[in-house]
Protein backbone atom coordinates (compact mmCIF):
# COMPACT_ATOMS: atom_id res chain seq x y z
CA MET A 1 55.18 -1.22 82.17
CA ALA A 2 57.65 -1.30 85.05
CA THR A 3 59.91 1.64 85.64
CA GLU A 4 63.35 1.29 87.03
CA VAL A 5 64.62 3.76 89.60
CA VAL A 6 68.24 4.66 88.93
CA LYS A 7 70.40 6.10 91.64
CA ARG A 8 72.49 9.10 90.53
CA LEU A 9 75.96 8.82 92.03
CA ILE A 10 78.44 11.67 92.19
CA ASN A 11 82.17 11.77 91.59
CA VAL A 12 84.95 13.46 93.54
CA ASP A 13 84.93 16.56 91.32
CA GLU A 14 81.19 17.06 91.89
CA TYR A 15 81.69 16.42 95.61
CA TYR A 16 84.23 19.26 95.79
CA LYS A 17 82.00 21.51 93.69
CA MET A 18 79.20 20.95 96.23
CA ALA A 19 81.54 22.20 98.95
CA GLU A 20 82.71 25.11 96.81
CA VAL A 21 79.17 26.41 96.25
CA GLY A 22 78.14 25.86 99.89
CA ILE A 23 75.94 22.77 99.59
CA LEU A 24 78.44 20.97 101.81
CA LYS A 25 80.20 22.94 104.51
CA ALA A 26 83.73 22.35 105.81
CA GLU A 27 82.33 21.41 109.22
CA ASP A 28 79.98 18.77 107.75
CA PRO A 29 81.33 15.37 108.81
CA VAL A 30 80.91 13.57 105.49
CA GLU A 31 82.89 11.34 103.16
CA LEU A 32 82.38 10.04 99.63
CA ILE A 33 82.11 6.27 99.32
CA HIS A 34 80.98 4.50 96.13
CA GLY A 35 79.67 7.79 94.74
CA GLU A 36 77.43 8.41 97.75
CA ILE A 37 77.86 11.00 100.48
CA PHE A 38 77.82 9.41 103.92
CA GLN A 39 77.45 11.42 107.07
CA MET A 40 79.96 10.25 109.63
CA SER A 41 78.93 9.54 113.19
CA PRO A 42 79.66 12.24 115.75
CA ILE A 43 83.04 11.77 117.39
CA GLY A 44 82.71 11.02 121.09
CA SER A 45 85.35 12.01 123.62
CA ARG A 46 86.81 8.49 123.98
CA HIS A 47 86.97 8.09 120.19
CA ALA A 48 88.77 11.43 119.88
CA ALA A 49 91.13 10.58 122.73
CA ILE A 50 92.14 7.26 121.12
CA VAL A 51 92.75 8.95 117.76
CA ASP A 52 94.90 11.57 119.53
CA ARG A 53 96.77 8.88 121.45
CA LEU A 54 97.49 6.86 118.32
CA ALA A 55 98.71 9.95 116.48
CA ARG A 56 100.95 10.92 119.39
CA LYS A 57 102.44 7.40 119.69
CA PHE A 58 103.02 7.10 115.95
CA ASN A 59 104.57 10.58 115.81
CA GLN A 60 106.81 9.72 118.74
CA PHE A 61 108.18 6.52 117.18
CA LEU A 62 107.85 7.08 113.45
CA THR A 63 108.77 10.74 112.91
CA GLY A 64 110.50 11.30 109.59
CA GLN A 65 109.65 7.79 108.38
CA ILE A 66 106.00 8.31 107.43
CA ASN A 67 103.33 10.97 107.16
CA ILE A 68 100.51 10.63 109.65
CA ARG A 69 97.12 12.08 108.79
CA ILE A 70 94.15 12.39 111.09
CA GLN A 71 90.65 12.27 109.57
CA ASN A 72 91.84 13.56 106.20
CA PRO A 73 90.91 12.38 102.69
CA ILE A 74 92.59 9.73 100.61
CA ARG A 75 91.68 9.82 96.91
CA PHE A 76 90.97 6.20 95.98
CA ASP A 77 89.39 6.80 92.60
CA ARG A 78 86.75 8.87 90.84
CA ASN A 79 83.96 7.85 93.28
CA ASN A 80 85.75 7.24 96.57
CA GLU A 81 87.45 9.61 98.95
CA PRO A 82 87.20 8.19 102.47
CA GLU A 83 88.56 9.96 105.54
CA PRO A 84 90.01 7.32 107.88
CA ASP A 85 90.60 8.25 111.50
CA ILE A 86 94.36 7.66 111.09
CA SER A 87 96.39 7.14 107.92
CA LEU A 88 100.02 6.02 107.95
CA LEU A 89 101.45 7.10 104.61
CA LYS A 90 104.69 6.94 102.66
CA TYR A 91 106.84 9.87 103.66
CA LYS A 92 106.63 13.00 101.52
CA THR A 93 108.40 16.18 102.50
CA ASP A 94 105.49 18.33 101.27
CA ASP A 95 103.01 16.43 103.50
CA TYR A 96 100.87 15.73 100.42
CA ALA A 97 100.26 19.44 99.77
CA SER A 98 100.24 18.90 96.01
CA SER A 99 97.50 16.25 96.09
CA HIS A 100 95.68 13.94 98.44
CA PRO A 101 97.38 10.58 98.96
CA ARG A 102 96.39 7.64 96.76
CA PRO A 103 96.06 3.97 97.81
CA SER A 104 99.66 3.31 96.69
CA ASP A 105 100.81 5.86 99.30
CA VAL A 106 99.16 4.02 102.21
CA HIS A 107 100.96 1.77 104.68
CA ALA A 108 97.99 1.33 107.03
CA LEU A 109 94.57 2.81 107.82
CA PHE A 110 92.82 2.93 111.19
CA GLU A 111 89.16 3.38 112.02
CA VAL A 112 87.92 3.85 115.57
CA GLY A 113 84.39 2.55 115.82
CA GLY A 114 81.56 2.55 118.29
CA SER A 115 78.25 3.14 116.57
CA SER A 116 80.03 3.02 113.17
CA ILE A 117 81.66 -0.38 113.69
CA ARG A 118 79.30 -2.21 111.33
CA PHE A 119 79.94 0.38 108.59
CA ASP A 120 83.70 0.01 109.15
CA ARG A 121 83.50 -3.78 108.77
CA GLU A 122 80.91 -4.08 106.01
CA VAL A 123 81.60 -1.03 103.83
CA LYS A 124 85.06 0.32 104.57
CA ALA A 125 86.95 -2.98 104.91
CA PRO A 126 85.84 -4.22 101.45
CA LEU A 127 86.53 -0.76 99.98
CA TYR A 128 90.03 -0.67 101.48
CA ALA A 129 90.77 -4.24 100.36
CA ALA A 130 89.52 -3.55 96.82
CA HIS A 131 91.98 -0.65 96.60
CA GLY A 132 94.91 -2.71 97.88
CA ILE A 133 95.37 -1.10 101.29
CA PRO A 134 97.92 -3.49 102.85
CA GLU A 135 96.86 -3.10 106.49
CA PHE A 136 93.55 -2.04 107.98
CA TRP A 137 92.89 -1.74 111.69
CA ILE A 138 89.56 -1.34 113.46
CA ILE A 139 89.54 -0.26 117.08
CA ASP A 140 86.29 -1.46 118.56
CA LEU A 141 85.30 0.84 121.41
CA ASP A 142 82.59 -1.50 122.68
CA THR A 143 84.78 -4.60 123.04
CA ASN A 144 88.11 -2.87 123.77
CA GLN A 145 89.90 -4.75 121.04
CA MET A 146 91.82 -4.10 117.86
CA GLU A 147 91.00 -6.00 114.68
CA TYR A 148 93.79 -6.36 112.13
CA PHE A 149 93.19 -7.08 108.45
CA SER A 150 95.92 -7.80 105.89
CA LYS A 151 96.61 -9.43 102.54
CA PRO A 152 93.86 -7.86 100.44
CA GLN A 153 92.50 -9.94 97.59
CA GLY A 154 89.60 -8.58 95.57
CA ASP A 155 87.27 -6.82 97.97
CA ALA A 156 88.25 -8.84 101.04
CA TYR A 157 91.19 -9.32 103.35
CA THR A 158 92.44 -12.89 103.48
CA GLU A 159 93.99 -12.59 106.93
CA SER A 160 92.56 -11.11 110.09
CA ARG A 161 93.34 -11.22 113.76
CA VAL A 162 91.84 -9.80 116.95
CA PHE A 163 94.02 -8.28 119.66
CA ARG A 164 92.89 -7.65 123.25
CA PRO A 165 94.33 -5.42 126.00
CA GLY A 166 96.88 -8.05 127.16
CA ASP A 167 98.29 -8.50 123.64
CA GLU A 168 101.02 -6.76 121.70
CA VAL A 169 100.66 -5.51 118.13
CA ARG A 170 103.27 -4.69 115.52
CA ILE A 171 102.64 -1.52 113.54
CA MET A 172 105.30 -0.34 111.08
CA ASP A 173 107.85 -2.67 112.70
CA ARG A 174 107.26 -1.19 116.17
CA LYS A 175 105.72 -3.14 119.03
CA PHE A 176 102.91 -1.57 121.01
CA SER A 177 100.79 -3.05 123.77
CA VAL A 178 97.10 -2.87 122.94
CA LYS A 179 96.53 -1.51 126.44
CA GLU A 180 98.81 1.50 125.76
CA LEU A 181 96.90 2.33 122.56
CA LEU A 182 93.39 1.99 123.95
CA ILE A 183 91.71 4.04 126.64
CA LEU A 184 89.79 1.36 128.44
CA SER A 185 86.28 2.13 129.63
């Protein structure tokens, strides 16, 4: 008689309870995706610098129009609470103090990837599309390019485009040169 191994997934409430009782610590770089806890890759100095640069540029040009979050949770559903590198959200005066943002609050999400690039493309992109995130950007540290995904349908984006350092991108109706957003190696 064959036995089937069943994976036990957790939900967001259990995830928070694990942190509350000390199983997960605040400094643990983890996120909940499809009911599983994933340890995030360590953040290198170039990765951190690009996240800081993006946040500074967006704050400079979009202040008072949106909320910008850096590596903070977005509550997708009962089993998913990713922490994108940058989230551009609908503006709320309380900065989402009353609850984490939901997919309907999101204008665009950004992931900066080096060693995590495959996870960003194969796990996060379908997750973001399935939850209707209108724009998803991946900054690929290895190739010095920005990948843009839009028009989610099911668990895929129907449009994508790659931008290189000589190109311009439009984010929230503002033009930026790719070169000014990236720190080229």
